[in-house]
Amino acid sequence: MKEIILDHPLVKHKMAILRNADTNPKDFRELVNEIAMLITYEAMRGAATGHIDVITPMGKAAGHHIDENNYVLAPVLRAGLGMVDGASNMLPNASIGHIGLHYCNDETDSSEDMPKPVSYYFKMPATIHNKTILLLDPMLATGGSAAAAITQLKESGAKEIKFLCIIAAPEGIARVKEEHPDVQIYAAALDDCLNDIGYIVPGLGDAGDRIFATAGPVLKKEEFI
């Protein structure tokens, strides 16, 4: 499947503010939520709908409805939590699962010579084999954690998975497409590359640190201009 990169003036506008190193944590969180809503909107294009009749003040109208019980929002901890409110604003009755992954420096991923993602928490609804999973993680960098999360979901019975991120790197897209070619990727932006420590460039820094206000000092502009 080809990745879908959102091409919309509103998304581009919000992305510029989100990337800015001077954007404070409150505004950053709000922007992540808003962009997550827009990505979810795009990911739901083509969703199956059922017929429903509704009574308006003027009479009866034919309408459509989505069975939200068929969807699960699955944030990758911890940064993925920042996208949950935005996605659930679009699908307020969808179930929410959680996937906890951390990088173990003692284990190396042979495919990229980087620390390997290790699972420490996995909680999903009892049955996910007949549901669509919207996997949420703001940054698709090396693709290691995304691929690991998708593998866990498939091992638990998931058949249809969509990966929603805010920024993707070509390396991450390539990794997910190689290991899970059936998973559709949605991103608000596709960036240039990864640096030598696996951060997306130009990116926005560490999404989790900026969402939860745990970031260290930002680089001075003269250091990268």
N, C-alpha and C. Protein backbone atom coordinates (compact mmCIF):
# COMPACT_ATOMS: atom_id res chain seq x y z
N MET A 1 0.84 -1.20 0.00
CA MET A 1 0.00 0.00 0.00
C MET A 1 0.88 1.25 0.00
N LYS A 2 0.44 2.27 -0.71
CA LYS A 2 1.19 3.52 -0.74
C LYS A 2 0.83 4.34 0.49
N GLU A 3 1.83 4.98 1.09
CA GLU A 3 1.57 5.84 2.23
C GLU A 3 0.73 7.05 1.79
N ILE A 4 -0.10 7.55 2.70
CA ILE A 4 -0.92 8.72 2.42
C ILE A 4 -0.41 9.88 3.27
N ILE A 5 0.11 10.91 2.60
CA ILE A 5 0.60 12.11 3.28
C ILE A 5 -0.44 13.20 3.08
N LEU A 6 -0.95 13.75 4.18
CA LEU A 6 -2.00 14.75 4.08
C LEU A 6 -1.48 16.00 3.38
N ASP A 7 -2.21 16.45 2.38
CA ASP A 7 -1.83 17.63 1.62
C ASP A 7 -2.97 18.65 1.73
N HIS A 8 -2.97 19.39 2.83
CA HIS A 8 -4.05 20.32 3.10
C HIS A 8 -3.47 21.58 3.75
N PRO A 9 -3.89 22.76 3.32
CA PRO A 9 -3.34 24.00 3.88
C PRO A 9 -3.47 24.08 5.40
N LEU A 10 -4.57 23.60 5.95
CA LEU A 10 -4.77 23.68 7.39
C LEU A 10 -3.77 22.79 8.12
N VAL A 11 -3.51 21.60 7.58
CA VAL A 11 -2.53 20.70 8.19
C VAL A 11 -1.14 21.33 8.12
N LYS A 12 -0.78 21.89 6.98
CA LYS A 12 0.53 22.50 6.80
C LYS A 12 0.71 23.68 7.77
N HIS A 13 -0.35 24.45 7.95
CA HIS A 13 -0.30 25.59 8.87
C HIS A 13 -0.04 25.12 10.30
N LYS A 14 -0.78 24.11 10.73
CA LYS A 14 -0.63 23.62 12.10
C LYS A 14 0.72 22.92 12.30
N MET A 15 1.20 22.26 11.25
CA MET A 15 2.50 21.59 11.35
C MET A 15 3.63 22.60 11.55
N ALA A 16 3.54 23.74 10.90
CA ALA A 16 4.59 24.76 11.06
C ALA A 16 4.68 25.25 12.50
N ILE A 17 3.53 25.42 13.13
CA ILE A 17 3.52 25.85 14.54
C ILE A 17 4.01 24.73 15.44
N LEU A 18 3.60 23.50 15.13
CA LEU A 18 3.99 22.35 15.94
C LEU A 18 5.50 22.15 15.93
N ARG A 19 6.13 22.34 14.79
CA ARG A 19 7.58 22.13 14.67
C ARG A 19 8.39 23.18 15.43
N ASN A 20 7.84 24.36 15.57
CA ASN A 20 8.58 25.48 16.14
C ASN A 20 9.08 25.16 17.55
N ALA A 21 10.37 25.30 17.77
CA ALA A 21 10.96 25.01 19.09
C ALA A 21 10.41 25.92 20.18
N ASP A 22 9.85 27.07 19.80
CA ASP A 22 9.31 28.01 20.79
C ASP A 22 7.87 27.71 21.18
N THR A 23 7.23 26.74 20.53
CA THR A 23 5.84 26.41 20.88
C THR A 23 5.80 25.75 22.25
N ASN A 24 5.00 26.33 23.17
CA ASN A 24 4.98 25.83 24.54
C ASN A 24 4.21 24.51 24.65
N PRO A 25 4.39 23.75 25.75
CA PRO A 25 3.76 22.43 25.88
C PRO A 25 2.24 22.45 25.73
N LYS A 26 1.58 23.45 26.29
CA LYS A 26 0.11 23.51 26.18
C LYS A 26 -0.31 23.61 24.72
N ASP A 27 0.29 24.54 23.99
CA ASP A 27 -0.07 24.71 22.58
C ASP A 27 0.35 23.47 21.77
N PHE A 28 1.48 22.88 22.14
CA PHE A 28 1.96 21.69 21.43
C PHE A 28 0.94 20.56 21.57
N ARG A 29 0.46 20.32 22.81
CA ARG A 29 -0.52 19.26 23.02
C ARG A 29 -1.81 19.51 22.25
N GLU A 30 -2.25 20.76 22.25
CA GLU A 30 -3.48 21.10 21.53
C GLU A 30 -3.32 20.87 20.02
N LEU A 31 -2.15 21.22 19.50
CA LEU A 31 -1.89 21.02 18.08
C LEU A 31 -1.82 19.54 17.72
N VAL A 32 -1.20 18.75 18.58
CA VAL A 32 -1.15 17.30 18.34
C VAL A 32 -2.56 16.74 18.28
N ASN A 33 -3.42 17.18 19.20
CA ASN A 33 -4.81 16.72 19.18
C ASN A 33 -5.52 17.12 17.90
N GLU A 34 -5.33 18.38 17.49
CA GLU A 34 -6.01 18.87 16.30
C GLU A 34 -5.53 18.14 15.04
N ILE A 35 -4.22 17.93 14.95
CA ILE A 35 -3.69 17.23 13.78
C ILE A 35 -4.12 15.77 13.80
N ALA A 36 -4.18 15.17 14.99
CA ALA A 36 -4.65 13.79 15.10
C ALA A 36 -6.10 13.67 14.61
N MET A 37 -6.91 14.67 14.90
CA MET A 37 -8.29 14.67 14.39
C MET A 37 -8.31 14.66 12.87
N LEU A 38 -7.46 15.49 12.27
CA LEU A 38 -7.44 15.59 10.81
C LEU A 38 -6.92 14.31 10.17
N ILE A 39 -5.92 13.67 10.80
CA ILE A 39 -5.40 12.41 10.27
C ILE A 39 -6.47 11.32 10.39
N THR A 40 -7.17 11.29 11.53
CA THR A 40 -8.23 10.30 11.71
C THR A 40 -9.33 10.50 10.68
N TYR A 41 -9.67 11.74 10.42
CA TYR A 41 -10.67 12.06 9.39
C TYR A 41 -10.27 11.43 8.05
N GLU A 42 -8.99 11.58 7.69
CA GLU A 42 -8.52 11.02 6.42
C GLU A 42 -8.50 9.50 6.47
N ALA A 43 -8.09 8.94 7.60
CA ALA A 43 -8.01 7.49 7.72
C ALA A 43 -9.39 6.83 7.66
N MET A 44 -10.43 7.58 7.97
CA MET A 44 -11.79 7.03 7.94
C MET A 44 -12.46 7.19 6.58
N ARG A 45 -11.75 7.77 5.62
CA ARG A 45 -12.31 7.90 4.29
C ARG A 45 -12.56 6.49 3.72
N GLY A 46 -13.73 6.27 3.22
CA GLY A 46 -14.06 4.96 2.68
C GLY A 46 -14.55 3.97 3.72
N ALA A 47 -14.74 4.43 4.97
CA ALA A 47 -15.23 3.52 6.01
C ALA A 47 -16.64 3.03 5.67
N ALA A 48 -16.93 1.82 6.06
CA ALA A 48 -18.25 1.25 5.80
C ALA A 48 -19.30 1.99 6.63
N THR A 49 -20.43 2.29 6.01
CA THR A 49 -21.53 2.96 6.70
C THR A 49 -22.81 2.16 6.50
N GLY A 50 -23.69 2.28 7.46
CA GLY A 50 -25.00 1.66 7.37
C GLY A 50 -26.07 2.71 7.19
N HIS A 51 -27.23 2.30 6.70
CA HIS A 51 -28.33 3.22 6.48
C HIS A 51 -29.08 3.47 7.78
N ILE A 52 -29.50 4.71 7.97
CA ILE A 52 -30.31 5.05 9.14
C ILE A 52 -31.26 6.17 8.75
N ASP A 53 -32.51 6.09 9.22
CA ASP A 53 -33.47 7.17 9.01
C ASP A 53 -33.48 8.05 10.26
N VAL A 54 -33.42 9.35 10.06
CA VAL A 54 -33.47 10.29 11.18
C VAL A 54 -34.65 11.24 10.97
N ILE A 55 -35.22 11.66 12.08
CA ILE A 55 -36.33 12.60 12.02
C ILE A 55 -35.80 14.00 12.28
N THR A 56 -35.94 14.86 11.31
CA THR A 56 -35.53 16.26 11.43
C THR A 56 -36.75 17.09 11.86
N PRO A 57 -36.57 18.36 12.21
CA PRO A 57 -37.74 19.20 12.51
C PRO A 57 -38.72 19.33 11.34
N MET A 58 -38.26 18.98 10.15
CA MET A 58 -39.11 19.12 8.96
C MET A 58 -39.58 17.79 8.38
N GLY A 59 -39.17 16.68 8.96
CA GLY A 59 -39.60 15.40 8.42
C GLY A 59 -38.53 14.33 8.56
N LYS A 60 -38.60 13.32 7.70
CA LYS A 60 -37.68 12.18 7.77
C LYS A 60 -36.58 12.35 6.72
N ALA A 61 -35.34 12.03 7.12
CA ALA A 61 -34.20 12.11 6.20
C ALA A 61 -33.43 10.80 6.24
N ALA A 62 -32.91 10.42 5.07
CA ALA A 62 -32.05 9.23 5.01
C ALA A 62 -30.65 9.63 5.44
N GLY A 63 -30.05 8.82 6.28
CA GLY A 63 -28.70 9.13 6.75
C GLY A 63 -27.81 7.90 6.74
N HIS A 64 -26.59 8.08 7.21
CA HIS A 64 -25.61 7.00 7.29
C HIS A 64 -24.98 7.00 8.68
N HIS A 65 -24.58 5.84 9.14
CA HIS A 65 -23.89 5.78 10.42
C HIS A 65 -22.73 4.80 10.35
N ILE A 66 -21.70 5.10 11.14
CA ILE A 66 -20.54 4.23 11.27
C ILE A 66 -20.68 3.48 12.59
N ASP A 67 -20.46 2.18 12.56
CA ASP A 67 -20.48 1.40 13.79
C ASP A 67 -19.13 1.56 14.48
N GLU A 68 -19.08 2.46 15.46
CA GLU A 68 -17.81 2.76 16.13
C GLU A 68 -17.30 1.59 16.94
N ASN A 69 -18.18 0.62 17.25
CA ASN A 69 -17.73 -0.57 17.98
C ASN A 69 -16.76 -1.40 17.15
N ASN A 70 -16.69 -1.12 15.86
CA ASN A 70 -15.78 -1.87 14.99
C ASN A 70 -14.37 -1.28 14.96
N TYR A 71 -14.10 -0.27 15.80
CA TYR A 71 -12.81 0.41 15.76
C TYR A 71 -12.14 0.42 17.12
N VAL A 72 -10.82 0.30 17.10
CA VAL A 72 -10.02 0.37 18.32
C VAL A 72 -8.90 1.39 18.10
N LEU A 73 -8.76 2.33 19.01
CA LEU A 73 -7.64 3.26 19.00
C LEU A 73 -6.53 2.66 19.85
N ALA A 74 -5.33 2.56 19.28
CA ALA A 74 -4.23 1.89 19.99
C ALA A 74 -3.00 2.79 20.01
N PRO A 75 -2.87 3.64 21.03
CA PRO A 75 -1.68 4.48 21.14
C PRO A 75 -0.46 3.68 21.60
N VAL A 76 0.71 4.00 21.02
CA VAL A 76 1.97 3.44 21.49
C VAL A 76 2.48 4.36 22.59
N LEU A 77 2.63 3.81 23.80
CA LEU A 77 3.07 4.62 24.94
C LEU A 77 4.53 5.04 24.78
N ARG A 78 4.88 6.30 25.17
CA ARG A 78 3.93 7.20 25.79
C ARG A 78 3.42 8.27 24.83
N ALA A 79 4.18 8.58 23.80
CA ALA A 79 3.86 9.70 22.92
C ALA A 79 2.51 9.52 22.22
N GLY A 80 2.14 8.28 21.94
CA GLY A 80 0.87 8.05 21.26
C GLY A 80 -0.33 8.53 22.04
N LEU A 81 -0.17 8.64 23.38
CA LEU A 81 -1.28 9.15 24.20
C LEU A 81 -1.69 10.55 23.77
N GLY A 82 -0.74 11.31 23.24
CA GLY A 82 -1.05 12.67 22.82
C GLY A 82 -2.02 12.73 21.66
N MET A 83 -2.18 11.63 20.93
CA MET A 83 -3.07 11.60 19.77
C MET A 83 -4.45 11.03 20.10
N VAL A 84 -4.62 10.48 21.31
CA VAL A 84 -5.86 9.78 21.63
C VAL A 84 -7.06 10.71 21.65
N ASP A 85 -6.94 11.87 22.30
CA ASP A 85 -8.10 12.76 22.39
C ASP A 85 -8.56 13.21 21.01
N GLY A 86 -7.61 13.54 20.13
CA GLY A 86 -7.99 13.96 18.79
C GLY A 86 -8.69 12.87 18.02
N ALA A 87 -8.14 11.64 18.09
CA ALA A 87 -8.76 10.51 17.39
C ALA A 87 -10.12 10.17 17.98
N SER A 88 -10.22 10.23 19.31
CA SER A 88 -11.49 9.87 19.95
C SER A 88 -12.54 10.96 19.79
N ASN A 89 -12.13 12.18 19.46
CA ASN A 89 -13.11 13.21 19.11
C ASN A 89 -13.84 12.81 17.83
N MET A 90 -13.15 12.10 16.95
CA MET A 90 -13.75 11.64 15.71
C MET A 90 -14.54 10.34 15.91
N LEU A 91 -14.05 9.48 16.80
CA LEU A 91 -14.69 8.18 17.06
C LEU A 91 -14.86 8.02 18.58
N PRO A 92 -15.80 8.78 19.16
CA PRO A 92 -15.89 8.82 20.63
C PRO A 92 -16.28 7.50 21.29
N ASN A 93 -16.87 6.59 20.53
CA ASN A 93 -17.31 5.32 21.12
C ASN A 93 -16.39 4.16 20.76
N ALA A 94 -15.27 4.44 20.12
CA ALA A 94 -14.31 3.39 19.82
C ALA A 94 -13.61 2.94 21.10
N SER A 95 -13.24 1.66 21.14
CA SER A 95 -12.45 1.16 22.27
C SER A 95 -11.04 1.74 22.20
N ILE A 96 -10.37 1.77 23.35
CA ILE A 96 -8.99 2.27 23.40
C ILE A 96 -8.12 1.22 24.06
N GLY A 97 -7.13 0.74 23.32
CA GLY A 97 -6.14 -0.17 23.89
C GLY A 97 -4.83 0.58 24.11
N HIS A 98 -3.84 -0.10 24.67
CA HIS A 98 -2.54 0.54 24.91
C HIS A 98 -1.42 -0.44 24.60
N ILE A 99 -0.36 0.10 23.98
CA ILE A 99 0.81 -0.70 23.67
C ILE A 99 2.04 -0.02 24.26
N GLY A 100 2.72 -0.70 25.17
CA GLY A 100 3.91 -0.14 25.80
C GLY A 100 5.17 -0.77 25.23
N LEU A 101 6.04 0.06 24.67
CA LEU A 101 7.32 -0.41 24.13
C LEU A 101 8.43 0.49 24.65
N HIS A 102 9.58 -0.11 24.97
CA HIS A 102 10.75 0.71 25.30
C HIS A 102 11.94 0.13 24.55
N TYR A 103 12.95 0.96 24.37
CA TYR A 103 14.14 0.51 23.64
C TYR A 103 15.18 -0.01 24.62
N CYS A 104 15.62 -1.24 24.38
CA CYS A 104 16.59 -1.89 25.25
C CYS A 104 17.99 -1.74 24.66
N ASN A 105 18.86 -1.04 25.36
CA ASN A 105 20.21 -0.82 24.86
C ASN A 105 21.05 -2.10 24.83
N ASP A 106 20.59 -3.12 25.60
CA ASP A 106 21.35 -4.38 25.64
C ASP A 106 21.02 -5.28 24.45
N GLU A 107 19.94 -4.94 23.72
CA GLU A 107 19.55 -5.74 22.55
C GLU A 107 19.53 -4.85 21.33
N THR A 108 20.18 -5.31 20.26
CA THR A 108 20.28 -4.52 19.04
C THR A 108 19.43 -5.12 17.95
N ASP A 109 18.72 -4.24 17.25
CA ASP A 109 17.94 -4.66 16.09
C ASP A 109 18.90 -4.82 14.92
N SER A 110 19.08 -6.05 14.47
CA SER A 110 20.09 -6.33 13.45
C SER A 110 19.82 -5.61 12.14
N SER A 111 18.54 -5.26 11.86
CA SER A 111 18.22 -4.64 10.59
C SER A 111 18.68 -3.20 10.51
N GLU A 112 18.94 -2.57 11.66
CA GLU A 112 19.31 -1.16 11.61
C GLU A 112 20.39 -0.78 12.61
N ASP A 113 20.93 -1.77 13.34
CA ASP A 113 21.98 -1.53 14.32
C ASP A 113 21.56 -0.46 15.33
N MET A 114 20.32 -0.52 15.76
CA MET A 114 19.77 0.40 16.74
C MET A 114 19.20 -0.43 17.89
N PRO A 115 18.98 0.19 19.08
CA PRO A 115 18.37 -0.56 20.18
C PRO A 115 17.03 -1.17 19.75
N LYS A 116 16.75 -2.34 20.30
CA LYS A 116 15.56 -3.09 19.89
C LYS A 116 14.36 -2.72 20.76
N PRO A 117 13.16 -2.52 20.13
CA PRO A 117 11.97 -2.23 20.93
C PRO A 117 11.51 -3.49 21.67
N VAL A 118 11.27 -3.34 22.96
CA VAL A 118 10.86 -4.45 23.82
C VAL A 118 9.50 -4.12 24.43
N SER A 119 8.57 -5.07 24.42
CA SER A 119 7.23 -4.85 24.95
C SER A 119 7.23 -4.92 26.47
N TYR A 120 6.56 -3.97 27.11
CA TYR A 120 6.38 -4.05 28.55
C TYR A 120 4.91 -3.96 28.95
N TYR A 121 4.03 -3.63 27.98
CA TYR A 121 2.60 -3.56 28.30
C TYR A 121 1.81 -3.73 27.01
N PHE A 122 0.74 -4.51 27.06
CA PHE A 122 -0.12 -4.70 25.89
C PHE A 122 -1.52 -5.02 26.38
N LYS A 123 -2.45 -4.12 26.14
CA LYS A 123 -3.83 -4.31 26.60
C LYS A 123 -4.78 -3.88 25.48
N MET A 124 -5.53 -4.85 24.97
CA MET A 124 -6.49 -4.61 23.90
C MET A 124 -7.85 -5.18 24.31
N PRO A 125 -8.91 -4.78 23.59
CA PRO A 125 -10.21 -5.42 23.84
C PRO A 125 -10.10 -6.93 23.63
N ALA A 126 -11.02 -7.67 24.22
CA ALA A 126 -10.95 -9.14 24.20
C ALA A 126 -10.89 -9.70 22.79
N THR A 127 -11.68 -9.12 21.87
CA THR A 127 -11.66 -9.61 20.49
C THR A 127 -11.33 -8.45 19.56
N ILE A 128 -10.27 -8.60 18.80
CA ILE A 128 -9.91 -7.54 17.84
C ILE A 128 -9.82 -8.08 16.42
N HIS A 129 -10.11 -9.37 16.25
CA HIS A 129 -9.95 -9.96 14.92
C HIS A 129 -10.92 -9.37 13.90
N ASN A 130 -12.06 -8.84 14.37
CA ASN A 130 -13.05 -8.29 13.44
C ASN A 130 -13.16 -6.77 13.55
N LYS A 131 -12.14 -6.15 14.10
CA LYS A 131 -12.14 -4.69 14.26
C LYS A 131 -11.01 -4.05 13.46
N THR A 132 -11.18 -2.78 13.16
CA THR A 132 -10.11 -2.00 12.53
C THR A 132 -9.33 -1.30 13.61
N ILE A 133 -8.02 -1.50 13.62
CA ILE A 133 -7.15 -0.88 14.63
C ILE A 133 -6.52 0.38 14.05
N LEU A 134 -6.69 1.50 14.72
CA LEU A 134 -5.99 2.72 14.37
C LEU A 134 -4.82 2.85 15.34
N LEU A 135 -3.64 2.50 14.86
CA LEU A 135 -2.42 2.52 15.68
C LEU A 135 -1.86 3.95 15.67
N LEU A 136 -1.67 4.53 16.86
CA LEU A 136 -1.32 5.93 16.99
C LEU A 136 0.08 6.11 17.55
N ASP A 137 0.92 6.84 16.84
CA ASP A 137 2.26 7.19 17.31
C ASP A 137 2.71 8.42 16.54
N PRO A 138 3.04 9.52 17.21
CA PRO A 138 3.33 10.76 16.48
C PRO A 138 4.47 10.65 15.48
N MET A 139 5.53 9.89 15.80
CA MET A 139 6.71 9.87 14.96
C MET A 139 6.98 8.47 14.41
N LEU A 140 7.08 8.37 13.10
CA LEU A 140 7.51 7.12 12.46
C LEU A 140 8.95 7.35 12.02
N ALA A 141 9.89 6.97 12.87
CA ALA A 141 11.31 7.27 12.63
C ALA A 141 12.00 6.06 11.98
N THR A 142 12.61 5.20 12.78
CA THR A 142 13.25 4.01 12.21
C THR A 142 12.22 2.98 11.77
N GLY A 143 11.04 3.05 12.35
CA GLY A 143 10.00 2.06 12.04
C GLY A 143 10.05 0.84 12.94
N GLY A 144 11.06 0.77 13.83
CA GLY A 144 11.21 -0.40 14.69
C GLY A 144 10.05 -0.60 15.63
N SER A 145 9.64 0.46 16.34
CA SER A 145 8.55 0.32 17.30
C SER A 145 7.22 0.14 16.59
N ALA A 146 7.03 0.80 15.45
CA ALA A 146 5.79 0.64 14.69
C ALA A 146 5.65 -0.80 14.21
N ALA A 147 6.73 -1.35 13.65
CA ALA A 147 6.69 -2.73 13.16
C ALA A 147 6.44 -3.71 14.31
N ALA A 148 7.07 -3.45 15.46
CA ALA A 148 6.89 -4.34 16.62
C ALA A 148 5.46 -4.27 17.12
N ALA A 149 4.88 -3.07 17.18
CA ALA A 149 3.50 -2.91 17.64
C ALA A 149 2.53 -3.62 16.69
N ILE A 150 2.77 -3.48 15.40
CA ILE A 150 1.90 -4.13 14.41
C ILE A 150 2.00 -5.66 14.55
N THR A 151 3.21 -6.15 14.76
CA THR A 151 3.39 -7.60 14.95
C THR A 151 2.60 -8.08 16.16
N GLN A 152 2.66 -7.34 17.26
CA GLN A 152 1.91 -7.72 18.46
C GLN A 152 0.41 -7.76 18.18
N LEU A 153 -0.07 -6.75 17.46
CA LEU A 153 -1.49 -6.69 17.15
C LEU A 153 -1.91 -7.88 16.29
N LYS A 154 -1.10 -8.20 15.31
CA LYS A 154 -1.43 -9.34 14.44
C LYS A 154 -1.40 -10.65 15.22
N GLU A 155 -0.43 -10.79 16.12
CA GLU A 155 -0.35 -12.01 16.92
C GLU A 155 -1.56 -12.14 17.85
N SER A 156 -2.21 -11.01 18.15
CA SER A 156 -3.40 -11.03 19.00
C SER A 156 -4.68 -11.16 18.19
N GLY A 157 -4.54 -11.28 16.86
CA GLY A 157 -5.71 -11.54 16.03
C GLY A 157 -6.15 -10.42 15.12
N ALA A 158 -5.48 -9.26 15.20
CA ALA A 158 -5.90 -8.13 14.37
C ALA A 158 -5.69 -8.43 12.89
N LYS A 159 -6.68 -8.09 12.09
CA LYS A 159 -6.60 -8.33 10.65
C LYS A 159 -6.44 -7.04 9.86
N GLU A 160 -7.06 -5.97 10.33
CA GLU A 160 -6.99 -4.69 9.62
C GLU A 160 -6.39 -3.63 10.54
N ILE A 161 -5.24 -3.09 10.15
CA ILE A 161 -4.52 -2.11 10.96
C ILE A 161 -4.17 -0.92 10.08
N LYS A 162 -4.41 0.27 10.62
CA LYS A 162 -3.97 1.50 9.96
C LYS A 162 -3.04 2.23 10.92
N PHE A 163 -1.90 2.68 10.40
CA PHE A 163 -0.92 3.37 11.25
C PHE A 163 -1.03 4.87 11.01
N LEU A 164 -1.31 5.62 12.09
CA LEU A 164 -1.48 7.06 12.00
C LEU A 164 -0.35 7.75 12.73
N CYS A 165 0.37 8.61 12.05
CA CYS A 165 1.46 9.36 12.68
C CYS A 165 1.41 10.82 12.22
N ILE A 166 2.15 11.65 12.90
CA ILE A 166 2.19 13.07 12.52
C ILE A 166 3.34 13.32 11.55
N ILE A 167 4.53 12.81 11.86
CA ILE A 167 5.67 12.95 10.96
C ILE A 167 6.28 11.59 10.70
N ALA A 168 6.58 11.32 9.43
CA ALA A 168 7.22 10.07 9.04
C ALA A 168 8.55 10.35 8.36
N ALA A 169 9.49 9.44 8.54
CA ALA A 169 10.76 9.48 7.81
C ALA A 169 10.72 8.39 6.75
N PRO A 170 11.41 8.59 5.63
CA PRO A 170 11.41 7.56 4.58
C PRO A 170 11.87 6.20 5.10
N GLU A 171 12.85 6.20 6.02
CA GLU A 171 13.36 4.95 6.55
C GLU A 171 12.27 4.18 7.30
N GLY A 172 11.45 4.91 8.08
CA GLY A 172 10.38 4.27 8.83
C GLY A 172 9.30 3.72 7.93
N ILE A 173 8.94 4.48 6.92
CA ILE A 173 7.93 4.01 5.96
C ILE A 173 8.43 2.75 5.27
N ALA A 174 9.69 2.76 4.85
CA ALA A 174 10.25 1.59 4.15
C ALA A 174 10.22 0.36 5.05
N ARG A 175 10.56 0.54 6.33
CA ARG A 175 10.59 -0.59 7.27
C ARG A 175 9.20 -1.19 7.46
N VAL A 176 8.20 -0.35 7.68
CA VAL A 176 6.85 -0.84 7.89
C VAL A 176 6.31 -1.50 6.62
N LYS A 177 6.58 -0.90 5.48
CA LYS A 177 6.08 -1.46 4.22
C LYS A 177 6.76 -2.80 3.91
N GLU A 178 8.00 -2.94 4.32
CA GLU A 178 8.71 -4.20 4.08
C GLU A 178 8.16 -5.32 4.97
N GLU A 179 7.94 -5.01 6.26
CA GLU A 179 7.51 -6.04 7.20
C GLU A 179 6.00 -6.24 7.22
N HIS A 180 5.27 -5.16 6.92
CA HIS A 180 3.80 -5.23 6.98
C HIS A 180 3.20 -4.48 5.79
N PRO A 181 3.33 -5.03 4.60
CA PRO A 181 2.86 -4.32 3.41
C PRO A 181 1.35 -4.14 3.36
N ASP A 182 0.61 -4.83 4.21
CA ASP A 182 -0.85 -4.72 4.24
C ASP A 182 -1.33 -3.56 5.10
N VAL A 183 -0.43 -2.88 5.81
CA VAL A 183 -0.82 -1.80 6.72
C VAL A 183 -0.71 -0.45 6.01
N GLN A 184 -1.83 0.27 6.00
CA GLN A 184 -1.83 1.60 5.38
C GLN A 184 -1.26 2.62 6.36
N ILE A 185 -0.36 3.49 5.87
CA ILE A 185 0.27 4.52 6.69
C ILE A 185 -0.34 5.88 6.34
N TYR A 186 -0.73 6.62 7.37
CA TYR A 186 -1.23 7.99 7.21
C TYR A 186 -0.32 8.92 8.00
N ALA A 187 0.14 10.00 7.38
CA ALA A 187 1.02 10.95 8.06
C ALA A 187 0.66 12.37 7.65
N ALA A 188 0.87 13.30 8.58
CA ALA A 188 0.63 14.71 8.26
C ALA A 188 1.80 15.30 7.48
N ALA A 189 2.99 14.70 7.60
CA ALA A 189 4.17 15.20 6.88
C ALA A 189 5.18 14.08 6.68
N LEU A 190 5.88 14.14 5.56
CA LEU A 190 6.99 13.22 5.28
C LEU A 190 8.27 14.04 5.26
N ASP A 191 9.19 13.73 6.19
CA ASP A 191 10.42 14.52 6.32
C ASP A 191 11.57 13.91 5.53
N ASP A 192 12.75 14.53 5.67
CA ASP A 192 13.89 14.20 4.82
C ASP A 192 14.55 12.87 5.15
N CYS A 193 14.91 12.69 6.43
CA CYS A 193 15.73 11.53 6.78
C CYS A 193 15.85 11.42 8.29
N LEU A 194 16.64 10.44 8.73
CA LEU A 194 17.00 10.31 10.15
C LEU A 194 18.43 10.79 10.34
N ASN A 195 18.72 11.32 11.53
CA ASN A 195 20.12 11.65 11.83
C ASN A 195 20.80 10.42 12.42
N ASP A 196 22.03 10.57 12.86
CA ASP A 196 22.81 9.39 13.28
C ASP A 196 22.35 8.79 14.61
N ILE A 197 21.42 9.45 15.32
CA ILE A 197 20.87 8.84 16.53
C ILE A 197 19.40 8.50 16.37
N GLY A 198 18.92 8.49 15.12
CA GLY A 198 17.57 8.01 14.85
C GLY A 198 16.47 9.02 15.01
N TYR A 199 16.81 10.33 15.06
CA TYR A 199 15.78 11.36 15.14
C TYR A 199 15.42 11.83 13.74
N ILE A 200 14.13 12.15 13.55
CA ILE A 200 13.67 12.64 12.25
C ILE A 200 14.16 14.07 12.04
N VAL A 201 14.67 14.33 10.83
CA VAL A 201 15.16 15.65 10.45
C VAL A 201 14.34 16.17 9.27
N PRO A 202 13.78 17.41 9.33
CA PRO A 202 13.90 18.37 10.43
C PRO A 202 13.04 18.06 11.64
N GLY A 203 11.97 17.28 11.47
CA GLY A 203 11.20 16.80 12.60
C GLY A 203 10.66 17.88 13.51
N LEU A 204 10.59 17.53 14.81
CA LEU A 204 10.13 18.50 15.81
C LEU A 204 10.76 18.21 17.17
N GLY A 205 11.81 17.37 17.16
CA GLY A 205 12.40 16.95 18.43
C GLY A 205 11.76 15.65 18.88
N ASP A 206 11.72 15.43 20.18
CA ASP A 206 11.10 14.24 20.75
C ASP A 206 9.64 14.57 21.08
N ALA A 207 8.71 13.94 20.38
CA ALA A 207 7.29 14.26 20.55
C ALA A 207 6.83 14.01 21.98
N GLY A 208 7.24 12.88 22.57
CA GLY A 208 6.83 12.57 23.94
C GLY A 208 7.32 13.61 24.92
N ASP A 209 8.58 14.01 24.80
CA ASP A 209 9.14 15.02 25.70
C ASP A 209 8.39 16.34 25.56
N ARG A 210 8.03 16.71 24.34
CA ARG A 210 7.35 17.99 24.14
C ARG A 210 5.89 17.93 24.58
N ILE A 211 5.25 16.77 24.43
CA ILE A 211 3.86 16.62 24.89
C ILE A 211 3.79 16.70 26.42
N PHE A 212 4.73 16.01 27.09
CA PHE A 212 4.67 15.91 28.53
C PHE A 212 5.64 16.86 29.26
N ALA A 213 6.22 17.78 28.50
CA ALA A 213 7.09 18.82 29.07
C ALA A 213 8.25 18.23 29.87
N THR A 214 8.90 17.21 29.28
CA THR A 214 10.06 16.62 29.93
C THR A 214 11.32 16.83 29.10
N ALA A 215 11.24 17.71 28.11
CA ALA A 215 12.37 17.92 27.20
C ALA A 215 13.49 18.69 27.89
N GLY A 216 14.71 18.42 27.43
CA GLY A 216 15.86 19.18 27.89
C GLY A 216 15.95 20.49 27.13
N PRO A 217 17.04 21.23 27.29
CA PRO A 217 17.18 22.51 26.58
C PRO A 217 17.22 22.31 25.08
N VAL A 218 16.62 23.27 24.35
CA VAL A 218 16.61 23.19 22.88
C VAL A 218 17.92 23.73 22.32
N LEU A 219 18.29 23.23 21.14
CA LEU A 219 19.48 23.75 20.49
C LEU A 219 19.34 25.23 20.17
N LYS A 220 20.43 25.95 20.28
CA LYS A 220 20.40 27.34 19.85
C LYS A 220 20.36 27.37 18.32
N LYS A 221 19.68 28.38 17.81
CA LYS A 221 19.46 28.42 16.36
C LYS A 221 20.76 28.41 15.59
N GLU A 222 21.80 29.08 16.14
CA GLU A 222 23.06 29.13 15.41
C GLU A 222 23.73 27.77 15.30
N GLU A 223 23.28 26.78 16.08
CA GLU A 223 23.88 25.46 16.05
C GLU A 223 23.40 24.64 14.85
N PHE A 224 22.25 25.03 14.25
CA PHE A 224 21.78 24.23 13.13
C PHE A 224 21.39 25.07 11.92
N ILE A 225 21.65 26.36 11.94
CA ILE A 225 21.38 27.19 10.75
C ILE A 225 22.66 27.36 9.96
